Full PDB file with SEQRES, HELIX, SHEET, SSBOND, CRYST1, ORIGX, SCALE, CONECT and MASTER records, all heavy atoms in Angstrom:
SEQRES   1 A   30  ILE PRO GLU ALA ALA PHE SER ALA PRO GLN LYS ASN HIS          
SEQRES   2 A   30  SER LEU LYS GLU GLY CYS GLN LEU ALA ALA ARG PHE TYR          
SEQRES   3 A   30  HIS HIS LEU LEU                                              
HELIX    1 AA1 GLU A    3  PHE A    6  5                                   4    
HELIX    2 AA2 SER A    7  LEU A   29  1                                  23    
CRYST1    1.000    1.000    1.000  90.00  90.00  90.00 P 1           1          
ORIGX1      1.000000  0.000000  0.000000        0.00000                         
ORIGX2      0.000000  1.000000  0.000000        0.00000                         
ORIGX3      0.000000  0.000000  1.000000        0.00000                         
SCALE1      1.000000  0.000000  0.000000        0.00000                         
SCALE2      0.000000  1.000000  0.000000        0.00000                         
SCALE3      0.000000  0.000000  1.000000        0.00000                         
ATOM      1  N   ILE A   1     -85.105-139.530  55.554  1.00  0.00           N  
ATOM      2  CA  ILE A   1     -86.013-140.675  55.869  1.00  0.00           C  
ATOM      3  C   ILE A   1     -86.086-140.619  57.437  1.00  0.00           C  
ATOM      4  O   ILE A   1     -85.106-140.733  58.142  1.00  0.00           O  
ATOM      5  CB  ILE A   1     -85.242-142.019  55.446  1.00  0.00           C  
ATOM      6  CG1 ILE A   1     -85.042-142.001  53.891  1.00  0.00           C  
ATOM      7  CG2 ILE A   1     -86.164-143.280  55.805  1.00  0.00           C  
ATOM      8  CD1 ILE A   1     -84.383-143.212  53.406  1.00  0.00           C  
ATOM      9  N   PRO A   2     -87.425-140.569  57.882  1.00  0.00           N  
ATOM     10  CA  PRO A   2     -87.653-140.506  59.340  1.00  0.00           C  
ATOM     11  C   PRO A   2     -87.024-141.691  60.045  1.00  0.00           C  
ATOM     12  O   PRO A   2     -87.088-142.835  59.641  1.00  0.00           O  
ATOM     13  CB  PRO A   2     -89.203-140.506  59.416  1.00  0.00           C  
ATOM     14  CG  PRO A   2     -89.740-140.161  58.052  1.00  0.00           C  
ATOM     15  CD  PRO A   2     -88.708-140.665  57.095  1.00  0.00           C  
ATOM     16  N   GLU A   3     -86.497-141.357  61.277  1.00  0.00           N  
ATOM     17  CA  GLU A   3     -85.953-142.396  62.063  1.00  0.00           C  
ATOM     18  C   GLU A   3     -86.914-143.544  62.335  1.00  0.00           C  
ATOM     19  O   GLU A   3     -86.591-144.589  62.564  1.00  0.00           O  
ATOM     20  CB  GLU A   3     -85.317-141.776  63.336  1.00  0.00           C  
ATOM     21  CG  GLU A   3     -84.022-141.027  63.165  1.00  0.00           C  
ATOM     22  CD  GLU A   3     -82.901-141.893  62.457  1.00  0.00           C  
ATOM     23  OE1 GLU A   3     -82.773-143.106  62.918  1.00  0.00           O  
ATOM     24  OE2 GLU A   3     -82.276-141.495  61.610  1.00  0.00           O  
ATOM     25  N   ALA A   4     -88.137-143.068  62.442  1.00  0.00           N  
ATOM     26  CA  ALA A   4     -89.266-144.055  62.811  1.00  0.00           C  
ATOM     27  C   ALA A   4     -89.240-145.154  61.782  1.00  0.00           C  
ATOM     28  O   ALA A   4     -89.622-146.356  62.149  1.00  0.00           O  
ATOM     29  CB  ALA A   4     -90.561-143.455  62.853  1.00  0.00           C  
ATOM     30  N   ALA A   5     -88.837-144.968  60.575  1.00  0.00           N  
ATOM     31  CA  ALA A   5     -88.862-145.806  59.496  1.00  0.00           C  
ATOM     32  C   ALA A   5     -87.880-147.036  59.790  1.00  0.00           C  
ATOM     33  O   ALA A   5     -88.008-148.189  59.336  1.00  0.00           O  
ATOM     34  CB  ALA A   5     -88.557-145.288  58.166  1.00  0.00           C  
ATOM     35  N   PHE A   6     -86.880-146.783  60.643  1.00  0.00           N  
ATOM     36  CA  PHE A   6     -85.878-147.771  60.840  1.00  0.00           C  
ATOM     37  C   PHE A   6     -85.919-148.408  62.243  1.00  0.00           C  
ATOM     38  O   PHE A   6     -85.042-149.148  62.652  1.00  0.00           O  
ATOM     39  CB  PHE A   6     -84.452-147.163  60.642  1.00  0.00           C  
ATOM     40  CG  PHE A   6     -84.299-146.771  59.165  1.00  0.00           C  
ATOM     41  CD1 PHE A   6     -84.390-145.477  58.802  1.00  0.00           C  
ATOM     42  CD2 PHE A   6     -83.897-147.818  58.264  1.00  0.00           C  
ATOM     43  CE1 PHE A   6     -84.232-145.115  57.479  1.00  0.00           C  
ATOM     44  CE2 PHE A   6     -83.751-147.428  56.928  1.00  0.00           C  
ATOM     45  CZ  PHE A   6     -83.888-146.140  56.491  1.00  0.00           C  
ATOM     46  N   SER A   7     -86.857-147.985  63.089  1.00  0.00           N  
ATOM     47  CA  SER A   7     -86.815-148.494  64.417  1.00  0.00           C  
ATOM     48  C   SER A   7     -87.129-150.009  64.492  1.00  0.00           C  
ATOM     49  O   SER A   7     -86.358-150.659  65.243  1.00  0.00           O  
ATOM     50  CB  SER A   7     -88.073-147.757  65.223  1.00  0.00           C  
ATOM     51  OG  SER A   7     -89.284-148.054  64.579  1.00  0.00           O  
ATOM     52  N   ALA A   8     -88.016-150.485  63.730  1.00  0.00           N  
ATOM     53  CA  ALA A   8     -88.209-151.926  63.744  1.00  0.00           C  
ATOM     54  C   ALA A   8     -87.036-152.652  63.260  1.00  0.00           C  
ATOM     55  O   ALA A   8     -86.531-153.641  63.822  1.00  0.00           O  
ATOM     56  CB  ALA A   8     -89.468-152.297  62.846  1.00  0.00           C  
ATOM     57  N   PRO A   9     -86.452-152.287  61.980  1.00  0.00           N  
ATOM     58  CA  PRO A   9     -85.244-152.972  61.552  1.00  0.00           C  
ATOM     59  C   PRO A   9     -84.072-152.940  62.609  1.00  0.00           C  
ATOM     60  O   PRO A   9     -83.401-153.950  62.739  1.00  0.00           O  
ATOM     61  CB  PRO A   9     -84.869-152.288  60.260  1.00  0.00           C  
ATOM     62  CG  PRO A   9     -86.195-151.631  59.824  1.00  0.00           C  
ATOM     63  CD  PRO A   9     -86.964-151.347  61.067  1.00  0.00           C  
ATOM     64  N   GLN A  10     -83.863-151.897  63.230  1.00  0.00           N  
ATOM     65  CA  GLN A  10     -82.760-151.753  64.236  1.00  0.00           C  
ATOM     66  C   GLN A  10     -83.049-152.657  65.325  1.00  0.00           C  
ATOM     67  O   GLN A  10     -82.066-153.293  65.828  1.00  0.00           O  
ATOM     68  CB  GLN A  10     -82.644-150.282  64.700  1.00  0.00           C  
ATOM     69  CG  GLN A  10     -82.007-149.235  63.720  1.00  0.00           C  
ATOM     70  CD  GLN A  10     -81.969-147.880  64.155  1.00  0.00           C  
ATOM     71  OE1 GLN A  10     -82.659-147.505  65.136  1.00  0.00           O  
ATOM     72  NE2 GLN A  10     -81.163-147.078  63.424  1.00  0.00           N  
ATOM     73  N   LYS A  11     -84.265-152.702  65.834  1.00  0.00           N  
ATOM     74  CA  LYS A  11     -84.607-153.667  66.821  1.00  0.00           C  
ATOM     75  C   LYS A  11     -84.367-155.064  66.429  1.00  0.00           C  
ATOM     76  O   LYS A  11     -83.813-155.830  67.214  1.00  0.00           O  
ATOM     77  CB  LYS A  11     -86.081-153.428  67.309  1.00  0.00           C  
ATOM     78  CG  LYS A  11     -86.669-154.364  68.431  1.00  0.00           C  
ATOM     79  CD  LYS A  11     -87.937-153.997  68.634  1.00  0.00           C  
ATOM     80  CE  LYS A  11     -88.560-154.960  69.776  1.00  0.00           C  
ATOM     81  NZ  LYS A  11     -89.914-154.700  69.969  1.00  0.00           N  
ATOM     82  N   ASN A  12     -84.803-155.355  65.195  1.00  0.00           N  
ATOM     83  CA  ASN A  12     -84.593-156.740  64.619  1.00  0.00           C  
ATOM     84  C   ASN A  12     -83.095-157.063  64.603  1.00  0.00           C  
ATOM     85  O   ASN A  12     -82.728-158.242  64.772  1.00  0.00           O  
ATOM     86  CB  ASN A  12     -85.320-156.841  63.280  1.00  0.00           C  
ATOM     87  CG  ASN A  12     -86.784-156.831  63.449  1.00  0.00           C  
ATOM     88  OD1 ASN A  12     -87.362-156.928  64.476  1.00  0.00           O  
ATOM     89  ND2 ASN A  12     -87.480-156.744  62.265  1.00  0.00           N  
ATOM     90  N   HIS A  13     -82.275-156.029  64.274  1.00  0.00           N  
ATOM     91  CA  HIS A  13     -80.783-156.324  64.239  1.00  0.00           C  
ATOM     92  C   HIS A  13     -80.287-156.762  65.585  1.00  0.00           C  
ATOM     93  O   HIS A  13     -79.519-157.595  65.691  1.00  0.00           O  
ATOM     94  CB  HIS A  13     -80.146-154.967  63.825  1.00  0.00           C  
ATOM     95  CG  HIS A  13     -78.733-155.178  63.625  1.00  0.00           C  
ATOM     96  ND1 HIS A  13     -78.121-155.904  62.705  1.00  0.00           N  
ATOM     97  CD2 HIS A  13     -77.633-154.691  64.336  1.00  0.00           C  
ATOM     98  CE1 HIS A  13     -76.801-155.864  62.886  1.00  0.00           C  
ATOM     99  NE2 HIS A  13     -76.467-155.144  63.771  1.00  0.00           N  
ATOM    100  N   SER A  14     -80.817-156.216  66.630  1.00  0.00           N  
ATOM    101  CA  SER A  14     -80.448-156.599  68.002  1.00  0.00           C  
ATOM    102  C   SER A  14     -80.829-157.973  68.248  1.00  0.00           C  
ATOM    103  O   SER A  14     -80.121-158.818  68.841  1.00  0.00           O  
ATOM    104  CB  SER A  14     -81.060-155.600  69.070  1.00  0.00           C  
ATOM    105  OG  SER A  14     -80.687-155.987  70.338  1.00  0.00           O  
ATOM    106  N   LEU A  15     -82.096-158.434  67.894  1.00  0.00           N  
ATOM    107  CA  LEU A  15     -82.504-159.782  68.090  1.00  0.00           C  
ATOM    108  C   LEU A  15     -81.596-160.747  67.312  1.00  0.00           C  
ATOM    109  O   LEU A  15     -81.316-161.802  67.858  1.00  0.00           O  
ATOM    110  CB  LEU A  15     -84.042-159.889  67.690  1.00  0.00           C  
ATOM    111  CG  LEU A  15     -85.025-158.974  68.281  1.00  0.00           C  
ATOM    112  CD1 LEU A  15     -86.388-159.257  67.731  1.00  0.00           C  
ATOM    113  CD2 LEU A  15     -84.962-159.013  69.768  1.00  0.00           C  
ATOM    114  N   LYS A  16     -81.244-160.355  66.094  1.00  0.00           N  
ATOM    115  CA  LYS A  16     -80.424-161.265  65.356  1.00  0.00           C  
ATOM    116  C   LYS A  16     -78.978-161.389  65.922  1.00  0.00           C  
ATOM    117  O   LYS A  16     -78.427-162.509  65.841  1.00  0.00           O  
ATOM    118  CB  LYS A  16     -80.254-160.774  63.858  1.00  0.00           C  
ATOM    119  CG  LYS A  16     -81.569-160.936  63.011  1.00  0.00           C  
ATOM    120  CD  LYS A  16     -81.349-160.507  61.599  1.00  0.00           C  
ATOM    121  CE  LYS A  16     -82.638-160.816  60.730  1.00  0.00           C  
ATOM    122  NZ  LYS A  16     -82.409-160.385  59.358  1.00  0.00           N  
ATOM    123  N   GLU A  17     -78.480-160.334  66.453  1.00  0.00           N  
ATOM    124  CA  GLU A  17     -77.208-160.319  67.154  1.00  0.00           C  
ATOM    125  C   GLU A  17     -77.307-161.269  68.336  1.00  0.00           C  
ATOM    126  O   GLU A  17     -76.318-162.094  68.571  1.00  0.00           O  
ATOM    127  CB  GLU A  17     -76.758-158.961  67.563  1.00  0.00           C  
ATOM    128  CG  GLU A  17     -76.198-158.120  66.444  1.00  0.00           C  
ATOM    129  CD  GLU A  17     -75.613-156.852  66.906  1.00  0.00           C  
ATOM    130  OE1 GLU A  17     -76.051-156.336  68.021  1.00  0.00           O  
ATOM    131  OE2 GLU A  17     -74.650-156.353  66.312  1.00  0.00           O  
ATOM    132  N   GLY A  18     -78.336-161.191  69.111  1.00  0.00           N  
ATOM    133  CA  GLY A  18     -78.512-162.187  70.200  1.00  0.00           C  
ATOM    134  C   GLY A  18     -78.559-163.604  69.808  1.00  0.00           C  
ATOM    135  O   GLY A  18     -77.969-164.509  70.384  1.00  0.00           O  
ATOM    136  N   CYS A  19     -79.312-163.940  68.687  1.00  0.00           N  
ATOM    137  CA  CYS A  19     -79.291-165.320  68.116  1.00  0.00           C  
ATOM    138  C   CYS A  19     -78.008-165.712  67.675  1.00  0.00           C  
ATOM    139  O   CYS A  19     -77.597-166.864  67.847  1.00  0.00           O  
ATOM    140  CB  CYS A  19     -80.431-165.300  67.003  1.00  0.00           C  
ATOM    141  SG  CYS A  19     -82.010-165.245  67.541  1.00  0.00           S  
ATOM    142  N   GLN A  20     -77.267-164.738  67.136  1.00  0.00           N  
ATOM    143  CA  GLN A  20     -75.871-165.154  66.528  1.00  0.00           C  
ATOM    144  C   GLN A  20     -74.983-165.536  67.749  1.00  0.00           C  
ATOM    145  O   GLN A  20     -74.224-166.541  67.561  1.00  0.00           O  
ATOM    146  CB  GLN A  20     -75.347-164.002  65.742  1.00  0.00           C  
ATOM    147  CG  GLN A  20     -74.062-164.343  64.995  1.00  0.00           C  
ATOM    148  CD  GLN A  20     -73.609-163.257  64.106  1.00  0.00           C  
ATOM    149  OE1 GLN A  20     -73.379-161.999  64.570  1.00  0.00           O  
ATOM    150  NE2 GLN A  20     -73.453-163.418  62.802  1.00  0.00           N  
ATOM    151  N   LEU A  21     -74.995-164.709  68.803  1.00  0.00           N  
ATOM    152  CA  LEU A  21     -74.152-164.989  70.029  1.00  0.00           C  
ATOM    153  C   LEU A  21     -74.624-166.381  70.625  1.00  0.00           C  
ATOM    154  O   LEU A  21     -73.739-167.193  70.930  1.00  0.00           O  
ATOM    155  CB  LEU A  21     -74.316-163.958  70.938  1.00  0.00           C  
ATOM    156  CG  LEU A  21     -73.666-164.146  72.355  1.00  0.00           C  
ATOM    157  CD1 LEU A  21     -72.097-164.232  72.171  1.00  0.00           C  
ATOM    158  CD2 LEU A  21     -73.972-163.052  73.305  1.00  0.00           C  
ATOM    159  N   ALA A  22     -75.908-166.609  70.625  1.00  0.00           N  
ATOM    160  CA  ALA A  22     -76.376-167.904  71.208  1.00  0.00           C  
ATOM    161  C   ALA A  22     -75.870-169.078  70.498  1.00  0.00           C  
ATOM    162  O   ALA A  22     -75.490-170.098  70.933  1.00  0.00           O  
ATOM    163  CB  ALA A  22     -77.879-167.863  71.279  1.00  0.00           C  
ATOM    164  N   ALA A  23     -75.936-168.968  69.109  1.00  0.00           N  
ATOM    165  CA  ALA A  23     -75.534-170.083  68.236  1.00  0.00           C  
ATOM    166  C   ALA A  23     -74.023-170.371  68.404  1.00  0.00           C  
ATOM    167  O   ALA A  23     -73.615-171.580  68.501  1.00  0.00           O  
ATOM    168  CB  ALA A  23     -75.853-169.753  66.704  1.00  0.00           C  
ATOM    169  N   ARG A  24     -73.247-169.340  68.506  1.00  0.00           N  
ATOM    170  CA  ARG A  24     -71.855-169.527  68.754  1.00  0.00           C  
ATOM    171  C   ARG A  24     -71.509-170.200  70.071  1.00  0.00           C  
ATOM    172  O   ARG A  24     -70.675-171.104  70.249  1.00  0.00           O  
ATOM    173  CB  ARG A  24     -71.000-168.187  68.544  1.00  0.00           C  
ATOM    174  CG  ARG A  24     -70.946-167.717  67.133  1.00  0.00           C  
ATOM    175  CD  ARG A  24     -69.905-166.616  67.008  1.00  0.00           C  
ATOM    176  NE  ARG A  24     -69.891-165.658  67.939  1.00  0.00           N  
ATOM    177  CZ  ARG A  24     -70.541-164.415  67.846  1.00  0.00           C  
ATOM    178  NH1 ARG A  24     -71.085-164.162  66.586  1.00  0.00           N  
ATOM    179  NH2 ARG A  24     -70.529-163.577  68.680  1.00  0.00           N  
ATOM    180  N   PHE A  25     -72.262-169.721  71.081  1.00  0.00           N  
ATOM    181  CA  PHE A  25     -72.144-170.177  72.418  1.00  0.00           C  
ATOM    182  C   PHE A  25     -72.400-171.622  72.574  1.00  0.00           C  
ATOM    183  O   PHE A  25     -71.690-172.366  73.149  1.00  0.00           O  
ATOM    184  CB  PHE A  25     -72.913-169.243  73.366  1.00  0.00           C  
ATOM    185  CG  PHE A  25     -72.865-169.736  74.892  1.00  0.00           C  
ATOM    186  CD1 PHE A  25     -71.741-169.687  75.482  1.00  0.00           C  
ATOM    187  CD2 PHE A  25     -73.982-170.129  75.486  1.00  0.00           C  
ATOM    188  CE1 PHE A  25     -71.681-170.130  76.797  1.00  0.00           C  
ATOM    189  CE2 PHE A  25     -73.952-170.594  76.857  1.00  0.00           C  
ATOM    190  CZ  PHE A  25     -72.804-170.533  77.502  1.00  0.00           C  
ATOM    191  N   TYR A  26     -73.625-172.017  72.019  1.00  0.00           N  
ATOM    192  CA  TYR A  26     -74.088-173.398  72.148  1.00  0.00           C  
ATOM    193  C   TYR A  26     -73.087-174.426  71.402  1.00  0.00           C  
ATOM    194  O   TYR A  26     -72.792-175.456  71.899  1.00  0.00           O  
ATOM    195  CB  TYR A  26     -75.460-173.578  71.514  1.00  0.00           C  
ATOM    196  CG  TYR A  26     -76.628-172.923  72.325  1.00  0.00           C  
ATOM    197  CD1 TYR A  26     -77.651-172.262  71.734  1.00  0.00           C  
ATOM    198  CD2 TYR A  26     -76.631-173.090  73.818  1.00  0.00           C  
ATOM    199  CE1 TYR A  26     -78.765-171.866  72.493  1.00  0.00           C  
ATOM    200  CE2 TYR A  26     -77.657-172.572  74.483  1.00  0.00           C  
ATOM    201  CZ  TYR A  26     -78.626-171.903  73.847  1.00  0.00           C  
ATOM    202  OH  TYR A  26     -79.752-171.463  74.646  1.00  0.00           O  
ATOM    203  N   HIS A  27     -72.676-173.959  70.193  1.00  0.00           N  
ATOM    204  CA  HIS A  27     -71.808-174.798  69.459  1.00  0.00           C  
ATOM    205  C   HIS A  27     -70.441-174.848  70.234  1.00  0.00           C  
ATOM    206  O   HIS A  27     -69.822-175.992  70.217  1.00  0.00           O  
ATOM    207  CB  HIS A  27     -71.462-174.131  68.072  1.00  0.00           C  
ATOM    208  CG  HIS A  27     -70.658-175.007  67.188  1.00  0.00           C  
ATOM    209  ND1 HIS A  27     -70.984-176.236  66.761  1.00  0.00           N  
ATOM    210  CD2 HIS A  27     -69.430-174.728  66.627  1.00  0.00           C  
ATOM    211  CE1 HIS A  27     -70.029-176.755  66.007  1.00  0.00           C  
ATOM    212  NE2 HIS A  27     -69.091-175.759  65.885  1.00  0.00           N  
ATOM    213  N   HIS A  28     -69.917-173.819  70.794  1.00  0.00           N  
ATOM    214  CA  HIS A  28     -68.684-173.977  71.552  1.00  0.00           C  
ATOM    215  C   HIS A  28     -68.786-174.904  72.776  1.00  0.00           C  
ATOM    216  O   HIS A  28     -67.894-175.769  73.006  1.00  0.00           O  
ATOM    217  CB  HIS A  28     -68.278-172.553  72.070  1.00  0.00           C  
ATOM    218  CG  HIS A  28     -67.131-172.554  73.007  1.00  0.00           C  
ATOM    219  ND1 HIS A  28     -65.828-172.652  72.540  1.00  0.00           N  
ATOM    220  CD2 HIS A  28     -67.060-172.500  74.372  1.00  0.00           C  
ATOM    221  CE1 HIS A  28     -64.977-172.696  73.590  1.00  0.00           C  
ATOM    222  NE2 HIS A  28     -65.723-172.587  74.660  1.00  0.00           N  
ATOM    223  N   LEU A  29     -69.908-174.890  73.530  1.00  0.00           N  
ATOM    224  CA  LEU A  29     -70.168-175.802  74.544  1.00  0.00           C  
ATOM    225  C   LEU A  29     -70.079-177.182  74.137  1.00  0.00           C  
ATOM    226  O   LEU A  29     -69.552-178.101  74.812  1.00  0.00           O  
ATOM    227  CB  LEU A  29     -71.520-175.347  75.246  1.00  0.00           C  
ATOM    228  CG  LEU A  29     -71.609-174.148  76.080  1.00  0.00           C  
ATOM    229  CD1 LEU A  29     -73.046-174.041  76.619  1.00  0.00           C  
ATOM    230  CD2 LEU A  29     -70.646-174.146  77.243  1.00  0.00           C  
ATOM    231  N   LEU A  30     -70.733-177.490  73.013  1.00  0.00           N  
ATOM    232  CA  LEU A  30     -70.721-178.929  72.543  1.00  0.00           C  
ATOM    233  C   LEU A  30     -69.393-179.366  72.162  1.00  0.00           C  
ATOM    234  O   LEU A  30     -68.977-180.521  72.456  1.00  0.00           O  
ATOM    235  CB  LEU A  30     -71.717-179.096  71.312  1.00  0.00           C  
ATOM    236  CG  LEU A  30     -71.819-180.443  70.819  1.00  0.00           C  
ATOM    237  CD1 LEU A  30     -72.587-181.345  71.730  1.00  0.00           C  
ATOM    238  CD2 LEU A  30     -72.595-180.452  69.352  1.00  0.00           C  
TER     239      LEU A  30                                                      
MASTER        0    0    0    2    0    0    0    6  238    1    0    3          
END                                                                             
């Protein structure tokens, strides 16, 4: 399976990881 097929999902995974960290951080602050 060409790597190009997974470039978008891998990028989206990074975006989701960022959102997950932000959610934990904001909740901890509160």
